[in-house]
Amino acid sequence: MADAPQIPDEAETRARWGAFAWTAENAEKAKAVIARYPAGRQRSAVMPLLDLAQRQVGAETQTQGWLPVPVIEFVAAQLDMPFIRAYEVATFYTMYNLVPVGRYHVQVCGTTPCLLRGSDDVMAACKNRGMVKGKTTPDGLFTLTEVECMGTCTNAPMVQINDDNFEDLDYDSTVRILDALAAGEQPKAGTQNAQRHTSDPEGGPTSLKDMVKANHDYRKEW
């Protein structure tokens, strides 16, 4: 796993983000999120609001986004909760970035199923493109992180890049995805195996084949 993130200088962070406030659009989104919860339970909205704040920071910095301490303080204040409670959430879930990241946050799964299926080749493709685990490339384009299981074991190995999963990878397909992103293109998300649709067997289904095109009733055959 990557080393613990190095939190940016507090004075610089507060100078840049101390006056953080929602955009008009996000203020309406935040209001709608809080309204989902009963009166007095607005603190339950902390996770979606932290995500919304991270996305706003990302939009302002042209990156995947992160959560400066003043931004977490802003969310906590809106929800009338102690800062430390919001900070605990932000530090517990890896979906929140506590340090600046690049435009594309490349999270490579290194857990056993992905490792057995070739995650080392995926990591090699990233490294050969100049990425260093836990760092952002000098051009600000990619941040590389090794993560634990992301729940896509059937389609191992995989990476998550921003909001998209890319699955059934090898060295060459990883290179193609990274090259496309660097060129400003949006590569196809999901499985990269042409013989699969999602997580189905290679070459198509091996059982219940008549269910592919219709809701076939097998009971008479049993």
C-alpha atoms as a PDB file:
ATOM      1  CA  MET A   1       0.000   0.000   0.000  1.00  0.00           C
ATOM      2  CA  ALA A   2       1.047   3.609  -0.457  1.00  0.00           C
ATOM      3  CA  ASP A   3       2.575   5.553   2.396  1.00  0.00           C
ATOM      4  CA  ALA A   4       0.345   7.791   4.495  1.00  0.00           C
ATOM      5  CA  PRO A   5      -0.512  11.015   2.635  1.00  0.00           C
ATOM      6  CA  GLN A   6       1.511  14.106   3.463  1.00  0.00           C
ATOM      7  CA  ILE A   7      -1.049  16.734   4.474  1.00  0.00           C
ATOM      8  CA  PRO A   8      -0.307  20.067   2.733  1.00  0.00           C
ATOM      9  CA  ASP A   9       0.917  23.094   4.675  1.00  0.00           C
ATOM     10  CA  GLU A  10      -1.985  24.400   6.759  1.00  0.00           C
ATOM     11  CA  ALA A  11      -1.277  28.093   6.182  1.00  0.00           C
ATOM     12  CA  GLU A  12      -1.246  27.635   2.417  1.00  0.00           C
ATOM     13  CA  THR A  13      -4.341  25.461   2.545  1.00  0.00           C
ATOM     14  CA  ARG A  14      -6.289  28.005   4.584  1.00  0.00           C
ATOM     15  CA  ALA A  15      -5.159  30.836   2.348  1.00  0.00           C
ATOM     16  CA  ARG A  16      -6.531  28.979  -0.684  1.00  0.00           C
ATOM     17  CA  TRP A  17      -9.611  27.292   0.748  1.00  0.00           C
ATOM     18  CA  GLY A  18     -10.510  29.198   3.905  1.00  0.00           C
ATOM     19  CA  ALA A  19     -13.358  31.009   2.157  1.00  0.00           C
ATOM     20  CA  PHE A  20     -14.838  27.881   0.574  1.00  0.00           C
ATOM     21  CA  ALA A  21     -18.575  28.049  -0.088  1.00  0.00           C
ATOM     22  CA  TRP A  22     -20.972  26.127  -2.274  1.00  0.00           C
ATOM     23  CA  THR A  23     -21.592  27.220  -5.799  1.00  0.00           C
ATOM     24  CA  ALA A  24     -25.230  28.130  -6.410  1.00  0.00           C
ATOM     25  CA  GLU A  25     -25.844  24.775  -8.074  1.00  0.00           C
ATOM     26  CA  ASN A  26     -24.168  22.776  -5.318  1.00  0.00           C
ATOM     27  CA  ALA A  27     -25.963  24.748  -2.618  1.00  0.00           C
ATOM     28  CA  GLU A  28     -29.231  23.463  -4.049  1.00  0.00           C
ATOM     29  CA  LYS A  29     -27.853  19.937  -4.239  1.00  0.00           C
ATOM     30  CA  ALA A  30     -26.700  20.121  -0.616  1.00  0.00           C
ATOM     31  CA  LYS A  31     -30.107  21.368   0.459  1.00  0.00           C
ATOM     32  CA  ALA A  32     -31.785  18.476  -1.332  1.00  0.00           C
ATOM     33  CA  VAL A  33     -29.426  15.935   0.249  1.00  0.00           C
ATOM     34  CA  ILE A  34     -30.023  17.234   3.778  1.00  0.00           C
ATOM     35  CA  ALA A  35     -33.791  17.144   3.172  1.00  0.00           C
ATOM     36  CA  ARG A  36     -33.621  13.361   2.772  1.00  0.00           C
ATOM     37  CA  TYR A  37     -33.118  12.956   6.513  1.00  0.00           C
ATOM     38  CA  PRO A  38     -35.511  13.604   9.440  1.00  0.00           C
ATOM     39  CA  ALA A  39     -35.246  16.804  11.436  1.00  0.00           C
ATOM     40  CA  GLY A  40     -32.325  16.628  13.836  1.00  0.00           C
ATOM     41  CA  ARG A  41     -30.643  13.905  11.780  1.00  0.00           C
ATOM     42  CA  GLN A  42     -28.930  16.163   9.243  1.00  0.00           C
ATOM     43  CA  ARG A  43     -25.528  14.809  10.261  1.00  0.00           C
ATOM     44  CA  SER A  44     -26.431  11.673   8.317  1.00  0.00           C
ATOM     45  CA  ALA A  45     -25.763  13.726   5.177  1.00  0.00           C
ATOM     46  CA  VAL A  46     -22.044  14.028   5.933  1.00  0.00           C
ATOM     47  CA  MET A  47     -20.892  11.443   3.376  1.00  0.00           C
ATOM     48  CA  PRO A  48     -22.750  12.789   0.318  1.00  0.00           C
ATOM     49  CA  LEU A  49     -21.859  16.365   1.284  1.00  0.00           C
ATOM     50  CA  LEU A  50     -18.172  15.526   1.623  1.00  0.00           C
ATOM     51  CA  ASP A  51     -18.350  13.893  -1.799  1.00  0.00           C
ATOM     52  CA  LEU A  52     -20.086  16.944  -3.233  1.00  0.00           C
ATOM     53  CA  ALA A  53     -17.459  19.232  -1.705  1.00  0.00           C
ATOM     54  CA  GLN A  54     -14.633  17.097  -3.100  1.00  0.00           C
ATOM     55  CA  ARG A  55     -16.196  17.270  -6.556  1.00  0.00           C
ATOM     56  CA  GLN A  56     -16.503  21.060  -6.312  1.00  0.00           C
ATOM     57  CA  VAL A  57     -12.834  21.331  -5.373  1.00  0.00           C
ATOM     58  CA  GLY A  58     -12.069  19.053  -8.316  1.00  0.00           C
ATOM     59  CA  ALA A  59     -14.049  21.256 -10.692  1.00  0.00           C
ATOM     60  CA  GLU A  60     -12.202  24.340  -9.461  1.00  0.00           C
ATOM     61  CA  THR A  61      -8.769  22.717  -9.779  1.00  0.00           C
ATOM     62  CA  GLN A  62      -9.424  20.570 -12.884  1.00  0.00           C
ATOM     63  CA  THR A  63      -8.533  17.436 -10.919  1.00  0.00           C
ATOM     64  CA  GLN A  64     -10.367  14.507  -9.401  1.00  0.00           C
ATOM     65  CA  GLY A  65     -10.748  16.607  -6.248  1.00  0.00           C
ATOM     66  CA  TRP A  66      -9.687  16.479  -2.611  1.00  0.00           C
ATOM     67  CA  LEU A  67     -10.822  17.689   0.825  1.00  0.00           C
ATOM     68  CA  PRO A  68      -8.766  20.491   2.369  1.00  0.00           C
ATOM     69  CA  VAL A  69      -9.357  20.867   6.115  1.00  0.00           C
ATOM     70  CA  PRO A  70     -11.258  24.188   5.717  1.00  0.00           C
ATOM     71  CA  VAL A  71     -13.627  22.452   3.299  1.00  0.00           C
ATOM     72  CA  ILE A  72     -14.302  19.684   5.822  1.00  0.00           C
ATOM     73  CA  GLU A  73     -14.882  22.387   8.438  1.00  0.00           C
ATOM     74  CA  PHE A  74     -17.396  24.045   6.128  1.00  0.00           C
ATOM     75  CA  VAL A  75     -19.356  20.803   5.693  1.00  0.00           C
ATOM     76  CA  ALA A  76     -19.265  20.090   9.436  1.00  0.00           C
ATOM     77  CA  ALA A  77     -20.539  23.577  10.236  1.00  0.00           C
ATOM     78  CA  GLN A  78     -23.425  23.244   7.796  1.00  0.00           C
ATOM     79  CA  LEU A  79     -24.455  19.991   9.467  1.00  0.00           C
ATOM     80  CA  ASP A  80     -23.958  21.377  12.991  1.00  0.00           C
ATOM     81  CA  MET A  81     -21.490  18.656  13.896  1.00  0.00           C
ATOM     82  CA  PRO A  82     -18.002  18.778  15.451  1.00  0.00           C
ATOM     83  CA  PHE A  83     -15.243  19.042  12.879  1.00  0.00           C
ATOM     84  CA  ILE A  84     -13.554  15.914  14.221  1.00  0.00           C
ATOM     85  CA  ARG A  85     -16.639  13.811  13.434  1.00  0.00           C
ATOM     86  CA  ALA A  86     -16.587  14.897   9.797  1.00  0.00           C
ATOM     87  CA  TYR A  87     -12.821  14.455   9.706  1.00  0.00           C
ATOM     88  CA  GLU A  88     -13.188  10.892  11.012  1.00  0.00           C
ATOM     89  CA  VAL A  89     -15.442  10.090   8.071  1.00  0.00           C
ATOM     90  CA  ALA A  90     -13.069  11.676   5.570  1.00  0.00           C
ATOM     91  CA  THR A  91     -10.085   9.737   6.936  1.00  0.00           C
ATOM     92  CA  PHE A  92     -11.914   6.402   7.151  1.00  0.00           C
ATOM     93  CA  TYR A  93     -13.167   6.088   3.577  1.00  0.00           C
ATOM     94  CA  THR A  94     -10.673   5.967   0.730  1.00  0.00           C
ATOM     95  CA  MET A  95     -13.199   7.613  -1.606  1.00  0.00           C
ATOM     96  CA  TYR A  96     -12.130  10.893   0.002  1.00  0.00           C
ATOM     97  CA  ASN A  97      -8.741  12.358  -0.875  1.00  0.00           C
ATOM     98  CA  LEU A  98      -6.956  14.222   1.907  1.00  0.00           C
ATOM     99  CA  VAL A  99      -4.231  15.544  -0.369  1.00  0.00           C
ATOM    100  CA  PRO A 100      -4.336  17.020  -3.881  1.00  0.00           C
ATOM    101  CA  VAL A 101      -4.526  14.469  -6.677  1.00  0.00           C
ATOM    102  CA  GLY A 102      -4.199  14.660 -10.438  1.00  0.00           C
ATOM    103  CA  ARG A 103      -6.858  14.982 -13.073  1.00  0.00           C
ATOM    104  CA  TYR A 104      -7.077  11.185 -13.119  1.00  0.00           C
ATOM    105  CA  HIS A 105      -6.781   9.209  -9.885  1.00  0.00           C
ATOM    106  CA  VAL A 106      -5.602   5.743 -10.895  1.00  0.00           C
ATOM    107  CA  GLN A 107      -6.409   3.268  -8.122  1.00  0.00           C
ATOM    108  CA  VAL A 108      -4.919  -0.154  -8.810  1.00  0.00           C
ATOM    109  CA  CYS A 109      -6.335  -3.078  -6.862  1.00  0.00           C
ATOM    110  CA  GLY A 110      -3.551  -5.239  -5.453  1.00  0.00           C
ATOM    111  CA  THR A 111      -5.614  -7.740  -3.465  1.00  0.00           C
ATOM    112  CA  THR A 112      -5.147 -11.483  -4.035  1.00  0.00           C
ATOM    113  CA  PRO A 113      -7.651 -12.096  -6.908  1.00  0.00           C
ATOM    114  CA  CYS A 114      -6.263  -9.163  -8.899  1.00  0.00           C
ATOM    115  CA  LEU A 115      -2.696 -10.144  -8.019  1.00  0.00           C
ATOM    116  CA  LEU A 116      -3.236 -13.685  -9.281  1.00  0.00           C
ATOM    117  CA  ARG A 117      -4.782 -12.350 -12.490  1.00  0.00           C
ATOM    118  CA  GLY A 118      -1.979  -9.944 -13.317  1.00  0.00           C
ATOM    119  CA  SER A 119      -2.236  -6.712 -11.335  1.00  0.00           C
ATOM    120  CA  ASP A 120       1.571  -6.529 -11.401  1.00  0.00           C
ATOM    121  CA  ASP A 121       1.337  -5.962 -15.166  1.00  0.00           C
ATOM    122  CA  VAL A 122      -1.223  -3.214 -14.592  1.00  0.00           C
ATOM    123  CA  MET A 123       1.069  -1.560 -12.063  1.00  0.00           C
ATOM    124  CA  ALA A 124       4.020  -1.944 -14.451  1.00  0.00           C
ATOM    125  CA  ALA A 125       2.073  -0.147 -17.194  1.00  0.00           C
ATOM    126  CA  CYS A 126       1.407   2.718 -14.804  1.00  0.00           C
ATOM    127  CA  LYS A 127       5.013   2.912 -13.667  1.00  0.00           C
ATOM    128  CA  ASN A 128       6.308   2.809 -17.229  1.00  0.00           C
ATOM    129  CA  ARG A 129       4.200   5.892 -17.868  1.00  0.00           C
ATOM    130  CA  GLY A 130       6.102   7.732 -15.167  1.00  0.00           C
ATOM    131  CA  MET A 131       3.730   7.126 -12.262  1.00  0.00           C
ATOM    132  CA  VAL A 132       5.000   6.540  -8.751  1.00  0.00           C
ATOM    133  CA  LYS A 133       2.778   4.966  -6.128  1.00  0.00           C
ATOM    134  CA  GLY A 134       1.380   7.609  -3.813  1.00  0.00           C
ATOM    135  CA  LYS A 135       2.518  10.473  -6.059  1.00  0.00           C
ATOM    136  CA  THR A 136       1.162  12.706  -8.804  1.00  0.00           C
ATOM    137  CA  THR A 137       2.978  12.973 -12.127  1.00  0.00           C
ATOM    138  CA  PRO A 138       4.783  16.297 -12.734  1.00  0.00           C
ATOM    139  CA  ASP A 139       2.227  17.293 -15.379  1.00  0.00           C
ATOM    140  CA  GLY A 140      -0.556  16.915 -12.803  1.00  0.00           C
ATOM    141  CA  LEU A 141      -2.335  14.373 -14.959  1.00  0.00           C
ATOM    142  CA  PHE A 142      -2.168  11.106 -12.996  1.00  0.00           C
ATOM    143  CA  THR A 143      -2.055  10.112  -9.345  1.00  0.00           C
ATOM    144  CA  LEU A 144      -1.268   6.448  -8.666  1.00  0.00           C
ATOM    145  CA  THR A 145      -2.624   4.651  -5.594  1.00  0.00           C
ATOM    146  CA  GLU A 146      -2.627   0.969  -4.697  1.00  0.00           C
ATOM    147  CA  VAL A 147      -5.854  -0.028  -2.964  1.00  0.00           C
ATOM    148  CA  GLU A 148      -7.424  -3.092  -1.414  1.00  0.00           C
ATOM    149  CA  CYS A 149     -10.370  -5.043  -2.824  1.00  0.00           C
ATOM    150  CA  MET A 150     -12.830  -2.947  -4.815  1.00  0.00           C
ATOM    151  CA  GLY A 151     -15.372  -5.725  -5.271  1.00  0.00           C
ATOM    152  CA  THR A 152     -14.706  -6.566  -8.913  1.00  0.00           C
ATOM    153  CA  CYS A 153     -12.900  -9.859  -8.333  1.00  0.00           C
ATOM    154  CA  THR A 154     -14.751 -11.686 -11.141  1.00  0.00           C
ATOM    155  CA  ASN A 155     -13.237  -9.272 -13.636  1.00  0.00           C
ATOM    156  CA  ALA A 156      -9.766  -9.074 -12.123  1.00  0.00           C
ATOM    157  CA  PRO A 157      -7.404  -7.363 -12.529  1.00  0.00           C
ATOM    158  CA  MET A 158      -9.004  -3.938 -12.432  1.00  0.00           C
ATOM    159  CA  VAL A 159      -8.410  -0.281 -11.715  1.00  0.00           C
ATOM    160  CA  GLN A 160     -10.736   2.538 -10.754  1.00  0.00           C
ATOM    161  CA  ILE A 161      -9.984   5.822 -12.476  1.00  0.00           C
ATOM    162  CA  ASN A 162     -12.090   8.643 -11.055  1.00  0.00           C
ATOM    163  CA  ASP A 163     -15.659   7.309 -11.239  1.00  0.00           C
ATOM    164  CA  ASP A 164     -15.046   4.481 -13.728  1.00  0.00           C
ATOM    165  CA  ASN A 165     -13.917   0.882 -13.327  1.00  0.00           C
ATOM    166  CA  PHE A 166     -11.744  -0.731 -15.994  1.00  0.00           C
ATOM    167  CA  GLU A 167     -11.664  -4.522 -15.779  1.00  0.00           C
ATOM    168  CA  ASP A 168     -10.065  -7.643 -17.264  1.00  0.00           C
ATOM    169  CA  LEU A 169      -6.879  -5.688 -17.817  1.00  0.00           C
ATOM    170  CA  ASP A 170      -3.426  -6.631 -19.010  1.00  0.00           C
ATOM    171  CA  TYR A 171      -0.371  -4.518 -19.722  1.00  0.00           C
ATOM    172  CA  ASP A 172      -1.415  -3.462 -23.234  1.00  0.00           C
ATOM    173  CA  SER A 173      -5.019  -2.585 -22.400  1.00  0.00           C
ATOM    174  CA  THR A 174      -3.866  -0.533 -19.424  1.00  0.00           C
ATOM    175  CA  VAL A 175      -1.485   1.391 -21.670  1.00  0.00           C
ATOM    176  CA  ARG A 176      -4.285   2.063 -24.162  1.00  0.00           C
ATOM    177  CA  ILE A 177      -6.557   3.420 -21.429  1.00  0.00           C
ATOM    178  CA  LEU A 178      -3.879   5.697 -20.010  1.00  0.00           C
ATOM    179  CA  ASP A 179      -2.920   6.949 -23.474  1.00  0.00           C
ATOM    180  CA  ALA A 180      -6.555   7.725 -24.266  1.00  0.00           C
ATOM    181  CA  LEU A 181      -7.009   9.674 -21.035  1.00  0.00           C
ATOM    182  CA  ALA A 182      -3.806  11.608 -21.636  1.00  0.00           C
ATOM    183  CA  ALA A 183      -5.121  12.532 -25.098  1.00  0.00           C
ATOM    184  CA  GLY A 184      -8.333  13.870 -23.606  1.00  0.00           C
ATOM    185  CA  GLU A 185     -10.423  10.933 -24.770  1.00  0.00           C
ATOM    186  CA  GLN A 186     -12.858   8.830 -22.742  1.00  0.00           C
ATOM    187  CA  PRO A 187     -12.000   5.136 -23.076  1.00  0.00           C
ATOM    188  CA  LYS A 188     -14.658   2.467 -22.715  1.00  0.00           C
ATOM    189  CA  ALA A 189     -15.235   1.615 -19.063  1.00  0.00           C
ATOM    190  CA  GLY A 190     -15.956  -1.869 -17.747  1.00  0.00           C
ATOM    191  CA  THR A 191     -14.495  -5.085 -19.100  1.00  0.00           C
ATOM    192  CA  GLN A 192     -11.728  -4.798 -21.667  1.00  0.00           C
ATOM    193  CA  ASN A 193     -12.192  -8.437 -22.719  1.00  0.00           C
ATOM    194  CA  ALA A 194     -13.942  -8.544 -26.082  1.00  0.00           C
ATOM    195  CA  GLN A 195     -15.330 -12.004 -25.271  1.00  0.00           C
ATOM    196  CA  ARG A 196     -17.288 -10.728 -22.269  1.00  0.00           C
ATOM    197  CA  HIS A 197     -20.240  -8.382 -21.945  1.00  0.00           C
ATOM    198  CA  THR A 198     -19.974  -7.679 -18.219  1.00  0.00           C
ATOM    199  CA  SER A 199     -18.918 -10.472 -15.871  1.00  0.00           C
ATOM    200  CA  ASP A 200     -20.330 -13.332 -17.921  1.00  0.00           C
ATOM    201  CA  PRO A 201     -18.167 -16.299 -19.004  1.00  0.00           C
ATOM    202  CA  GLU A 202     -15.824 -15.789 -21.929  1.00  0.00           C
ATOM    203  CA  GLY A 203     -17.587 -16.772 -25.140  1.00  0.00           C
ATOM    204  CA  GLY A 204     -21.069 -16.356 -23.700  1.00  0.00           C
ATOM    205  CA  PRO A 205     -23.258 -18.188 -21.177  1.00  0.00           C
ATOM    206  CA  THR A 206     -22.681 -21.871 -20.463  1.00  0.00           C
ATOM    207  CA  SER A 207     -26.082 -22.517 -18.872  1.00  0.00           C
ATOM    208  CA  LEU A 208     -29.651 -21.215 -19.178  1.00  0.00           C
ATOM    209  CA  LYS A 209     -28.805 -20.150 -22.711  1.00  0.00           C
ATOM    210  CA  ASP A 210     -32.436 -19.744 -23.713  1.00  0.00           C
ATOM    211  CA  MET A 211     -32.726 -16.908 -21.199  1.00  0.00           C
ATOM    212  CA  VAL A 212     -30.434 -14.696 -23.265  1.00  0.00           C
ATOM    213  CA  LYS A 213     -33.175 -13.402 -25.561  1.00  0.00           C
ATOM    214  CA  ALA A 214     -36.371 -14.235 -23.686  1.00  0.00           C
ATOM    215  CA  ASN A 215     -37.772 -15.161 -20.306  1.00  0.00           C
ATOM    216  CA  HIS A 216     -37.728 -18.860 -21.083  1.00  0.00           C
ATOM    217  CA  ASP A 217     -39.733 -21.198 -18.813  1.00  0.00           C
ATOM    218  CA  TYR A 218     -37.526 -24.200 -18.038  1.00  0.00           C
ATOM    219  CA  ARG A 219     -40.001 -25.883 -15.686  1.00  0.00           C
ATOM    220  CA  LYS A 220     -41.420 -28.248 -18.282  1.00  0.00           C
ATOM    221  CA  GLU A 221     -37.923 -29.462 -19.067  1.00  0.00           C
ATOM    222  CA  TRP A 222     -37.194 -30.284 -15.434  1.00  0.00           C
END
